[in-house]
Amino acid sequence: HDVGKNWSLYLSELYRHLFEEFGLKKVEFDLNDNTLDFIVD
């Protein structure tokens, strides 16, 4: 996204909440200034 670490943090929390609503526990996030990586089972 090249928008900054806060954007990565925002998206990761948004997605984490969504995945929790579906009862998914196997989620991994990796954040940095330019990218958000995540794996969800």
ModelCIF file with pLDDT and N, C-alpha, C, O atoms, coordinates in Angstrom:
data_MODEL
#
_entry.id   MODEL 
#
_entity.id                         1 
_entity.type                       polymer 
_entity.pdbx_number_of_molecules   1 
#
_entity_poly.entity_id                      1 
_entity_poly.type                           'polypeptide(L)' 
_entity_poly.nstd_linkage                   no 
_entity_poly.nstd_monomer                   no 
_entity_poly.pdbx_seq_one_letter_code       HDVGKNWSLYLSELYRHLFEEFGLKKVEFDLNDNTLDFIVD 
_entity_poly.pdbx_seq_one_letter_code_can   HDVGKNWSLYLSELYRHLFEEFGLKKVEFDLNDNTLDFIVD 
_entity_poly.pdbx_strand_id                 A 
#
loop_
_entity_poly_seq.entity_id 
_entity_poly_seq.num 
_entity_poly_seq.mon_id 
_entity_poly_seq.hetero 
1 1  HIS n 
1 2  ASP n 
1 3  VAL n 
1 4  GLY n 
1 5  LYS n 
1 6  ASN n 
1 7  TRP n 
1 8  SER n 
1 9  LEU n 
1 10 TYR n 
1 11 LEU n 
1 12 SER n 
1 13 GLU n 
1 14 LEU n 
1 15 TYR n 
1 16 ARG n 
1 17 HIS n 
1 18 LEU n 
1 19 PHE n 
1 20 GLU n 
1 21 GLU n 
1 22 PHE n 
1 23 GLY n 
1 24 LEU n 
1 25 LYS n 
1 26 LYS n 
1 27 VAL n 
1 28 GLU n 
1 29 PHE n 
1 30 ASP n 
1 31 LEU n 
1 32 ASN n 
1 33 ASP n 
1 34 ASN n 
1 35 THR n 
1 36 LEU n 
1 37 ASP n 
1 38 PHE n 
1 39 ILE n 
1 40 VAL n 
1 41 ASP n 
#
_struct_asym.id          A 
_struct_asym.entity_id   1 
#
loop_
_ma_qa_metric.id 
_ma_qa_metric.mode 
_ma_qa_metric.name 
_ma_qa_metric.software_group_id 
_ma_qa_metric.type 
1 global pLDDT . pLDDT 
2 local  pLDDT . pLDDT 
#
_ma_qa_metric_global.metric_id      1 
_ma_qa_metric_global.metric_value   94.98 
_ma_qa_metric_global.model_id       1 
_ma_qa_metric_global.ordinal_id     1 
#
loop_
_ma_qa_metric_local.label_asym_id 
_ma_qa_metric_local.label_comp_id 
_ma_qa_metric_local.label_seq_id 
_ma_qa_metric_local.metric_id 
_ma_qa_metric_local.metric_value 
_ma_qa_metric_local.model_id 
_ma_qa_metric_local.ordinal_id 
A HIS 1  2 95.00 1 1  
A ASP 2  2 94.00 1 2  
A VAL 3  2 94.00 1 3  
A GLY 4  2 96.00 1 4  
A LYS 5  2 95.00 1 5  
A ASN 6  2 96.00 1 6  
A TRP 7  2 96.00 1 7  
A SER 8  2 96.00 1 8  
A LEU 9  2 97.00 1 9  
A TYR 10 2 96.00 1 10 
A LEU 11 2 96.00 1 11 
A SER 12 2 96.00 1 12 
A GLU 13 2 96.00 1 13 
A LEU 14 2 96.00 1 14 
A TYR 15 2 96.00 1 15 
A ARG 16 2 95.00 1 16 
A HIS 17 2 95.00 1 17 
A LEU 18 2 95.00 1 18 
A PHE 19 2 96.00 1 19 
A GLU 20 2 94.00 1 20 
A GLU 21 2 94.00 1 21 
A PHE 22 2 94.00 1 22 
A GLY 23 2 93.00 1 23 
A LEU 24 2 93.00 1 24 
A LYS 25 2 85.00 1 25 
A LYS 26 2 87.00 1 26 
A VAL 27 2 94.00 1 27 
A GLU 28 2 96.00 1 28 
A PHE 29 2 97.00 1 29 
A ASP 30 2 97.00 1 30 
A LEU 31 2 95.00 1 31 
A ASN 32 2 94.00 1 32 
A ASP 33 2 94.00 1 33 
A ASN 34 2 95.00 1 34 
A THR 35 2 97.00 1 35 
A LEU 36 2 97.00 1 36 
A ASP 37 2 97.00 1 37 
A PHE 38 2 97.00 1 38 
A ILE 39 2 97.00 1 39 
A VAL 40 2 96.00 1 40 
A ASP 41 2 95.00 1 41 
#
loop_
_atom_site.group_PDB 
_atom_site.id 
_atom_site.type_symbol 
_atom_site.label_atom_id 
_atom_site.label_alt_id 
_atom_site.label_comp_id 
_atom_site.label_asym_id 
_atom_site.label_entity_id 
_atom_site.label_seq_id 
_atom_site.pdbx_PDB_ins_code 
_atom_site.Cartn_x 
_atom_site.Cartn_y 
_atom_site.Cartn_z 
_atom_site.occupancy 
_atom_site.B_iso_or_equiv 
_atom_site.pdbx_formal_charge 
_atom_site.auth_seq_id 
_atom_site.auth_comp_id 
_atom_site.auth_asym_id 
_atom_site.auth_atom_id 
_atom_site.pdbx_PDB_model_num 
ATOM 1   N N  . HIS A 1 1  ? 0.800   -1.223  0.000  1.00 95.00 ? 1  HIS A N  1 
ATOM 2   C CA . HIS A 1 1  ? 0.000   0.000   0.000  1.00 95.00 ? 1  HIS A CA 1 
ATOM 3   C C  . HIS A 1 1  ? 0.837   1.280   0.000  1.00 95.00 ? 1  HIS A C  1 
ATOM 4   O O  . HIS A 1 1  ? 0.351   2.316   -0.452 1.00 95.00 ? 1  HIS A O  1 
ATOM 5   N N  . ASP A 1 2  ? 2.052   1.242   0.481  1.00 94.00 ? 2  ASP A N  1 
ATOM 6   C CA . ASP A 1 2  ? 2.951   2.415   0.517  1.00 94.00 ? 2  ASP A CA 1 
ATOM 7   C C  . ASP A 1 2  ? 2.324   3.635   1.194  1.00 94.00 ? 2  ASP A C  1 
ATOM 8   O O  . ASP A 1 2  ? 2.550   4.767   0.768  1.00 94.00 ? 2  ASP A O  1 
ATOM 9   N N  . VAL A 1 3  ? 1.536   3.405   2.249  1.00 94.00 ? 3  VAL A N  1 
ATOM 10  C CA . VAL A 1 3  ? 0.857   4.499   2.942  1.00 94.00 ? 3  VAL A CA 1 
ATOM 11  C C  . VAL A 1 3  ? 1.401   4.709   4.355  1.00 94.00 ? 3  VAL A C  1 
ATOM 12  O O  . VAL A 1 3  ? 1.107   5.734   4.971  1.00 94.00 ? 3  VAL A O  1 
ATOM 13  N N  . GLY A 1 4  ? 2.174   3.784   4.875  1.00 96.00 ? 4  GLY A N  1 
ATOM 14  C CA . GLY A 1 4  ? 2.740   3.936   6.211  1.00 96.00 ? 4  GLY A CA 1 
ATOM 15  C C  . GLY A 1 4  ? 2.308   2.837   7.163  1.00 96.00 ? 4  GLY A C  1 
ATOM 16  O O  . GLY A 1 4  ? 1.347   2.108   6.919  1.00 96.00 ? 4  GLY A O  1 
ATOM 17  N N  . LYS A 1 5  ? 3.058   2.743   8.261  1.00 95.00 ? 5  LYS A N  1 
ATOM 18  C CA . LYS A 1 5  ? 2.836   1.678   9.237  1.00 95.00 ? 5  LYS A CA 1 
ATOM 19  C C  . LYS A 1 5  ? 1.445   1.764   9.878  1.00 95.00 ? 5  LYS A C  1 
ATOM 20  O O  . LYS A 1 5  ? 0.833   0.736   10.168 1.00 95.00 ? 5  LYS A O  1 
ATOM 21  N N  . ASN A 1 6  ? 0.943   2.989   10.100 1.00 96.00 ? 6  ASN A N  1 
ATOM 22  C CA . ASN A 1 6  ? -0.384  3.114   10.712 1.00 96.00 ? 6  ASN A CA 1 
ATOM 23  C C  . ASN A 1 6  ? -1.470  2.494   9.842  1.00 96.00 ? 6  ASN A C  1 
ATOM 24  O O  . ASN A 1 6  ? -2.437  1.937   10.362 1.00 96.00 ? 6  ASN A O  1 
ATOM 25  N N  . TRP A 1 7  ? -1.321  2.585   8.533  1.00 96.00 ? 7  TRP A N  1 
ATOM 26  C CA . TRP A 1 7  ? -2.300  1.967   7.627  1.00 96.00 ? 7  TRP A CA 1 
ATOM 27  C C  . TRP A 1 7  ? -2.222  0.444   7.738  1.00 96.00 ? 7  TRP A C  1 
ATOM 28  O O  . TRP A 1 7  ? -3.247  -0.238  7.743  1.00 96.00 ? 7  TRP A O  1 
ATOM 29  N N  . SER A 1 8  ? -1.008  -0.079  7.825  1.00 96.00 ? 8  SER A N  1 
ATOM 30  C CA . SER A 1 8  ? -0.844  -1.524  8.022  1.00 96.00 ? 8  SER A CA 1 
ATOM 31  C C  . SER A 1 8  ? -1.507  -1.959  9.321  1.00 96.00 ? 8  SER A C  1 
ATOM 32  O O  . SER A 1 8  ? -2.196  -2.978  9.363  1.00 96.00 ? 8  SER A O  1 
ATOM 33  N N  . LEU A 1 9  ? -1.298  -1.181  10.381 1.00 97.00 ? 9  LEU A N  1 
ATOM 34  C CA . LEU A 1 9  ? -1.888  -1.499  11.677 1.00 97.00 ? 9  LEU A CA 1 
ATOM 35  C C  . LEU A 1 9  ? -3.416  -1.437  11.610 1.00 97.00 ? 9  LEU A C  1 
ATOM 36  O O  . LEU A 1 9  ? -4.101  -2.321  12.125 1.00 97.00 ? 9  LEU A O  1 
ATOM 37  N N  . TYR A 1 10 ? -3.941  -0.398  10.979 1.00 96.00 ? 10 TYR A N  1 
ATOM 38  C CA . TYR A 1 10 ? -5.390  -0.258  10.842 1.00 96.00 ? 10 TYR A CA 1 
ATOM 39  C C  . TYR A 1 10 ? -5.997  -1.451  10.103 1.00 96.00 ? 10 TYR A C  1 
ATOM 40  O O  . TYR A 1 10 ? -6.959  -2.059  10.570 1.00 96.00 ? 10 TYR A O  1 
ATOM 41  N N  . LEU A 1 11 ? -5.421  -1.776  8.943  1.00 96.00 ? 11 LEU A N  1 
ATOM 42  C CA . LEU A 1 11 ? -5.955  -2.898  8.157  1.00 96.00 ? 11 LEU A CA 1 
ATOM 43  C C  . LEU A 1 11 ? -5.854  -4.214  8.913  1.00 96.00 ? 11 LEU A C  1 
ATOM 44  O O  . LEU A 1 11 ? -6.784  -5.020  8.885  1.00 96.00 ? 11 LEU A O  1 
ATOM 45  N N  . SER A 1 12 ? -4.733  -4.435  9.587  1.00 96.00 ? 12 SER A N  1 
ATOM 46  C CA . SER A 1 12 ? -4.563  -5.698  10.312 1.00 96.00 ? 12 SER A CA 1 
ATOM 47  C C  . SER A 1 12 ? -5.604  -5.832  11.417 1.00 96.00 ? 12 SER A C  1 
ATOM 48  O O  . SER A 1 12 ? -6.147  -6.918  11.623 1.00 96.00 ? 12 SER A O  1 
ATOM 49  N N  . GLU A 1 13 ? -5.890  -4.747  12.128 1.00 96.00 ? 13 GLU A N  1 
ATOM 50  C CA . GLU A 1 13 ? -6.906  -4.815  13.186 1.00 96.00 ? 13 GLU A CA 1 
ATOM 51  C C  . GLU A 1 13 ? -8.302  -4.995  12.597 1.00 96.00 ? 13 GLU A C  1 
ATOM 52  O O  . GLU A 1 13 ? -9.120  -5.724  13.158 1.00 96.00 ? 13 GLU A O  1 
ATOM 53  N N  . LEU A 1 14 ? -8.576  -4.351  11.492 1.00 96.00 ? 14 LEU A N  1 
ATOM 54  C CA . LEU A 1 14 ? -9.861  -4.517  10.819 1.00 96.00 ? 14 LEU A CA 1 
ATOM 55  C C  . LEU A 1 14 ? -10.061 -5.972  10.389 1.00 96.00 ? 14 LEU A C  1 
ATOM 56  O O  . LEU A 1 14 ? -11.111 -6.563  10.640 1.00 96.00 ? 14 LEU A O  1 
ATOM 57  N N  . TYR A 1 15 ? -9.052  -6.536  9.747  1.00 96.00 ? 15 TYR A N  1 
ATOM 58  C CA . TYR A 1 15 ? -9.136  -7.920  9.288  1.00 96.00 ? 15 TYR A CA 1 
ATOM 59  C C  . TYR A 1 15 ? -9.150  -8.897  10.451 1.00 96.00 ? 15 TYR A C  1 
ATOM 60  O O  . TYR A 1 15 ? -9.866  -9.897  10.407 1.00 96.00 ? 15 TYR A O  1 
ATOM 61  N N  . ARG A 1 16 ? -8.364  -8.620  11.499 1.00 95.00 ? 16 ARG A N  1 
ATOM 62  C CA . ARG A 1 16 ? -8.348  -9.494  12.679 1.00 95.00 ? 16 ARG A CA 1 
ATOM 63  C C  . ARG A 1 16 ? -9.754  -9.585  13.285 1.00 95.00 ? 16 ARG A C  1 
ATOM 64  O O  . ARG A 1 16 ? -10.218 -10.670 13.637 1.00 95.00 ? 16 ARG A O  1 
ATOM 65  N N  . HIS A 1 17 ? -10.418 -8.443  13.400 1.00 95.00 ? 17 HIS A N  1 
ATOM 66  C CA . HIS A 1 17 ? -11.776 -8.428  13.947 1.00 95.00 ? 17 HIS A CA 1 
ATOM 67  C C  . HIS A 1 17 ? -12.731 -9.238  13.056 1.00 95.00 ? 17 HIS A C  1 
ATOM 68  O O  . HIS A 1 17 ? -13.540 -10.020 13.553 1.00 95.00 ? 17 HIS A O  1 
ATOM 69  N N  . LEU A 1 18 ? -12.627 -9.043  11.752 1.00 95.00 ? 18 LEU A N  1 
ATOM 70  C CA . LEU A 1 18 ? -13.467 -9.788  10.812 1.00 95.00 ? 18 LEU A CA 1 
ATOM 71  C C  . LEU A 1 18 ? -13.260 -11.300 10.971 1.00 95.00 ? 18 LEU A C  1 
ATOM 72  O O  . LEU A 1 18 ? -14.225 -12.060 11.049 1.00 95.00 ? 18 LEU A O  1 
ATOM 73  N N  . PHE A 1 19 ? -11.999 -11.723 11.017 1.00 96.00 ? 19 PHE A N  1 
ATOM 74  C CA . PHE A 1 19 ? -11.706 -13.150 11.129 1.00 96.00 ? 19 PHE A CA 1 
ATOM 75  C C  . PHE A 1 19 ? -12.174 -13.717 12.465 1.00 96.00 ? 19 PHE A C  1 
ATOM 76  O O  . PHE A 1 19 ? -12.616 -14.864 12.528 1.00 96.00 ? 19 PHE A O  1 
ATOM 77  N N  . GLU A 1 20 ? -12.082 -12.928 13.530 1.00 94.00 ? 20 GLU A N  1 
ATOM 78  C CA . GLU A 1 20 ? -12.579 -13.377 14.833 1.00 94.00 ? 20 GLU A CA 1 
ATOM 79  C C  . GLU A 1 20 ? -14.085 -13.584 14.802 1.00 94.00 ? 20 GLU A C  1 
ATOM 80  O O  . GLU A 1 20 ? -14.605 -14.500 15.439 1.00 94.00 ? 20 GLU A O  1 
ATOM 81  N N  . GLU A 1 21 ? -14.790 -12.725 14.053 1.00 94.00 ? 21 GLU A N  1 
ATOM 82  C CA . GLU A 1 21 ? -16.240 -12.877 13.924 1.00 94.00 ? 21 GLU A CA 1 
ATOM 83  C C  . GLU A 1 21 ? -16.606 -14.217 13.276 1.00 94.00 ? 21 GLU A C  1 
ATOM 84  O O  . GLU A 1 21 ? -17.669 -14.775 13.551 1.00 94.00 ? 21 GLU A O  1 
ATOM 85  N N  . PHE A 1 22 ? -15.733 -14.722 12.427 1.00 94.00 ? 22 PHE A N  1 
ATOM 86  C CA . PHE A 1 22 ? -15.952 -16.018 11.789 1.00 94.00 ? 22 PHE A CA 1 
ATOM 87  C C  . PHE A 1 22 ? -15.385 -17.161 12.629 1.00 94.00 ? 22 PHE A C  1 
ATOM 88  O O  . PHE A 1 22 ? -15.457 -18.317 12.212 1.00 94.00 ? 22 PHE A O  1 
ATOM 89  N N  . GLY A 1 23 ? -14.828 -16.867 13.790 1.00 93.00 ? 23 GLY A N  1 
ATOM 90  C CA . GLY A 1 23 ? -14.293 -17.894 14.672 1.00 93.00 ? 23 GLY A CA 1 
ATOM 91  C C  . GLY A 1 23 ? -12.955 -18.459 14.236 1.00 93.00 ? 23 GLY A C  1 
ATOM 92  O O  . GLY A 1 23 ? -12.578 -19.553 14.656 1.00 93.00 ? 23 GLY A O  1 
ATOM 93  N N  . LEU A 1 24 ? -12.226 -17.722 13.391 1.00 93.00 ? 24 LEU A N  1 
ATOM 94  C CA . LEU A 1 24 ? -10.941 -18.210 12.896 1.00 93.00 ? 24 LEU A CA 1 
ATOM 95  C C  . LEU A 1 24 ? -9.827  -17.812 13.856 1.00 93.00 ? 24 LEU A C  1 
ATOM 96  O O  . LEU A 1 24 ? -9.693  -16.641 14.213 1.00 93.00 ? 24 LEU A O  1 
ATOM 97  N N  . LYS A 1 25 ? -9.046  -18.771 14.262 1.00 85.00 ? 25 LYS A N  1 
ATOM 98  C CA . LYS A 1 25 ? -7.964  -18.521 15.219 1.00 85.00 ? 25 LYS A CA 1 
ATOM 99  C C  . LYS A 1 25 ? -6.591  -18.570 14.555 1.00 85.00 ? 25 LYS A C  1 
ATOM 100 O O  . LYS A 1 25 ? -5.622  -18.044 15.102 1.00 85.00 ? 25 LYS A O  1 
ATOM 101 N N  . LYS A 1 26 ? -6.500  -19.188 13.393 1.00 87.00 ? 26 LYS A N  1 
ATOM 102 C CA . LYS A 1 26 ? -5.208  -19.380 12.725 1.00 87.00 ? 26 LYS A CA 1 
ATOM 103 C C  . LYS A 1 26 ? -4.957  -18.241 11.743 1.00 87.00 ? 26 LYS A C  1 
ATOM 104 O O  . LYS A 1 26 ? -5.106  -18.404 10.532 1.00 87.00 ? 26 LYS A O  1 
ATOM 105 N N  . VAL A 1 27 ? -4.570  -17.072 12.288 1.00 94.00 ? 27 VAL A N  1 
ATOM 106 C CA . VAL A 1 27 ? -4.303  -15.896 11.468 1.00 94.00 ? 27 VAL A CA 1 
ATOM 107 C C  . VAL A 1 27 ? -2.953  -15.318 11.875 1.00 94.00 ? 27 VAL A C  1 
ATOM 108 O O  . VAL A 1 27 ? -2.682  -15.131 13.061 1.00 94.00 ? 27 VAL A O  1 
ATOM 109 N N  . GLU A 1 28 ? -2.114  -15.037 10.891 1.00 96.00 ? 28 GLU A N  1 
ATOM 110 C CA . GLU A 1 28 ? -0.803  -14.452 11.147 1.00 96.00 ? 28 GLU A CA 1 
ATOM 111 C C  . GLU A 1 28 ? -0.699  -13.152 10.358 1.00 96.00 ? 28 GLU A C  1 
ATOM 112 O O  . GLU A 1 28 ? -1.049  -13.101 9.179  1.00 96.00 ? 28 GLU A O  1 
ATOM 113 N N  . PHE A 1 29 ? -0.211  -12.096 11.023 1.00 97.00 ? 29 PHE A N  1 
ATOM 114 C CA . PHE A 1 29 ? -0.008  -10.802 10.371 1.00 97.00 ? 29 PHE A CA 1 
ATOM 115 C C  . PHE A 1 29 ? 1.460   -10.409 10.462 1.00 97.00 ? 29 PHE A C  1 
ATOM 116 O O  . PHE A 1 29 ? 2.129   -10.678 11.460 1.00 97.00 ? 29 PHE A O  1 
ATOM 117 N N  . ASP A 1 30 ? 1.945   -9.773  9.414  1.00 97.00 ? 30 ASP A N  1 
ATOM 118 C CA . ASP A 1 30 ? 3.282   -9.187  9.398  1.00 97.00 ? 30 ASP A CA 1 
ATOM 119 C C  . ASP A 1 30 ? 3.130   -7.777  8.824  1.00 97.00 ? 30 ASP A C  1 
ATOM 120 O O  . ASP A 1 30 ? 2.708   -7.599  7.681  1.00 97.00 ? 30 ASP A O  1 
ATOM 121 N N  . LEU A 1 31 ? 3.482   -6.780  9.639  1.00 95.00 ? 31 LEU A N  1 
ATOM 122 C CA . LEU A 1 31 ? 3.276   -5.384  9.255  1.00 95.00 ? 31 LEU A CA 1 
ATOM 123 C C  . LEU A 1 31 ? 4.603   -4.685  9.027  1.00 95.00 ? 31 LEU A C  1 
ATOM 124 O O  . LEU A 1 31 ? 5.592   -4.969  9.703  1.00 95.00 ? 31 LEU A O  1 
ATOM 125 N N  . ASN A 1 32 ? 4.617   -3.775  8.077  1.00 94.00 ? 32 ASN A N  1 
ATOM 126 C CA . ASN A 1 32 ? 5.721   -2.826  7.974  1.00 94.00 ? 32 ASN A CA 1 
ATOM 127 C C  . ASN A 1 32 ? 5.204   -1.555  7.330  1.00 94.00 ? 32 ASN A C  1 
ATOM 128 O O  . ASN A 1 32 ? 4.001   -1.414  7.111  1.00 94.00 ? 32 ASN A O  1 
ATOM 129 N N  . ASP A 1 33 ? 6.103   -0.624  7.024  1.00 94.00 ? 33 ASP A N  1 
ATOM 130 C CA . ASP A 1 33 ? 5.679   0.690   6.528  1.00 94.00 ? 33 ASP A CA 1 
ATOM 131 C C  . ASP A 1 33 ? 4.954   0.633   5.191  1.00 94.00 ? 33 ASP A C  1 
ATOM 132 O O  . ASP A 1 33 ? 4.078   1.460   4.938  1.00 94.00 ? 33 ASP A O  1 
ATOM 133 N N  . ASN A 1 34 ? 5.292   -0.307  4.341  1.00 95.00 ? 34 ASN A N  1 
ATOM 134 C CA . ASN A 1 34 ? 4.766   -0.318  2.979  1.00 95.00 ? 34 ASN A CA 1 
ATOM 135 C C  . ASN A 1 34 ? 3.860   -1.487  2.645  1.00 95.00 ? 34 ASN A C  1 
ATOM 136 O O  . ASN A 1 34 ? 3.140   -1.445  1.648  1.00 95.00 ? 34 ASN A O  1 
ATOM 137 N N  . THR A 1 35 ? 3.883   -2.525  3.457  1.00 97.00 ? 35 THR A N  1 
ATOM 138 C CA . THR A 1 35 ? 3.092   -3.713  3.127  1.00 97.00 ? 35 THR A CA 1 
ATOM 139 C C  . THR A 1 35 ? 2.408   -4.307  4.352  1.00 97.00 ? 35 THR A C  1 
ATOM 140 O O  . THR A 1 35 ? 2.835   -4.120  5.491  1.00 97.00 ? 35 THR A O  1 
ATOM 141 N N  . LEU A 1 36 ? 1.344   -5.020  4.072  1.00 97.00 ? 36 LEU A N  1 
ATOM 142 C CA . LEU A 1 36 ? 0.678   -5.845  5.071  1.00 97.00 ? 36 LEU A CA 1 
ATOM 143 C C  . LEU A 1 36 ? 0.636   -7.254  4.499  1.00 97.00 ? 36 LEU A C  1 
ATOM 144 O O  . LEU A 1 36 ? 0.111   -7.473  3.407  1.00 97.00 ? 36 LEU A O  1 
ATOM 145 N N  . ASP A 1 37 ? 1.184   -8.194  5.230  1.00 97.00 ? 37 ASP A N  1 
ATOM 146 C CA . ASP A 1 37 ? 1.139   -9.600  4.854  1.00 97.00 ? 37 ASP A CA 1 
ATOM 147 C C  . ASP A 1 37 ? 0.271   -10.313 5.882  1.00 97.00 ? 37 ASP A C  1 
ATOM 148 O O  . ASP A 1 37 ? 0.408   -10.078 7.083  1.00 97.00 ? 37 ASP A O  1 
ATOM 149 N N  . PHE A 1 38 ? -0.609  -11.172 5.421  1.00 97.00 ? 38 PHE A N  1 
ATOM 150 C CA . PHE A 1 38 ? -1.339  -12.002 6.383  1.00 97.00 ? 38 PHE A CA 1 
ATOM 151 C C  . PHE A 1 38 ? -1.676  -13.343 5.775  1.00 97.00 ? 38 PHE A C  1 
ATOM 152 O O  . PHE A 1 38 ? -1.855  -13.492 4.567  1.00 97.00 ? 38 PHE A O  1 
ATOM 153 N N  . ILE A 1 39 ? -1.755  -14.307 6.664  1.00 97.00 ? 39 ILE A N  1 
ATOM 154 C CA . ILE A 1 39 ? -2.129  -15.680 6.298  1.00 97.00 ? 39 ILE A CA 1 
ATOM 155 C C  . ILE A 1 39 ? -3.292  -16.060 7.180  1.00 97.00 ? 39 ILE A C  1 
ATOM 156 O O  . ILE A 1 39 ? -3.238  -15.922 8.402  1.00 97.00 ? 39 ILE A O  1 
ATOM 157 N N  . VAL A 1 40 ? -4.338  -16.536 6.551  1.00 96.00 ? 40 VAL A N  1 
ATOM 158 C CA . VAL A 1 40 ? -5.518  -16.975 7.301  1.00 96.00 ? 40 VAL A CA 1 
ATOM 159 C C  . VAL A 1 40 ? -5.885  -18.380 6.848  1.00 96.00 ? 40 VAL A C  1 
ATOM 160 O O  . VAL A 1 40 ? -5.956  -18.669 5.653  1.00 96.00 ? 40 VAL A O  1 
ATOM 161 N N  . ASP A 1 41 ? -6.113  -19.240 7.823  1.00 95.00 ? 41 ASP A N  1 
ATOM 162 C CA . ASP A 1 41 ? -6.556  -20.604 7.536  1.00 95.00 ? 41 ASP A CA 1 
ATOM 163 C C  . ASP A 1 41 ? -8.063  -20.631 7.777  1.00 95.00 ? 41 ASP A C  1 
ATOM 164 O O  . ASP A 1 41 ? -8.697  -21.672 7.607  1.00 95.00 ? 41 ASP A O  1 
#
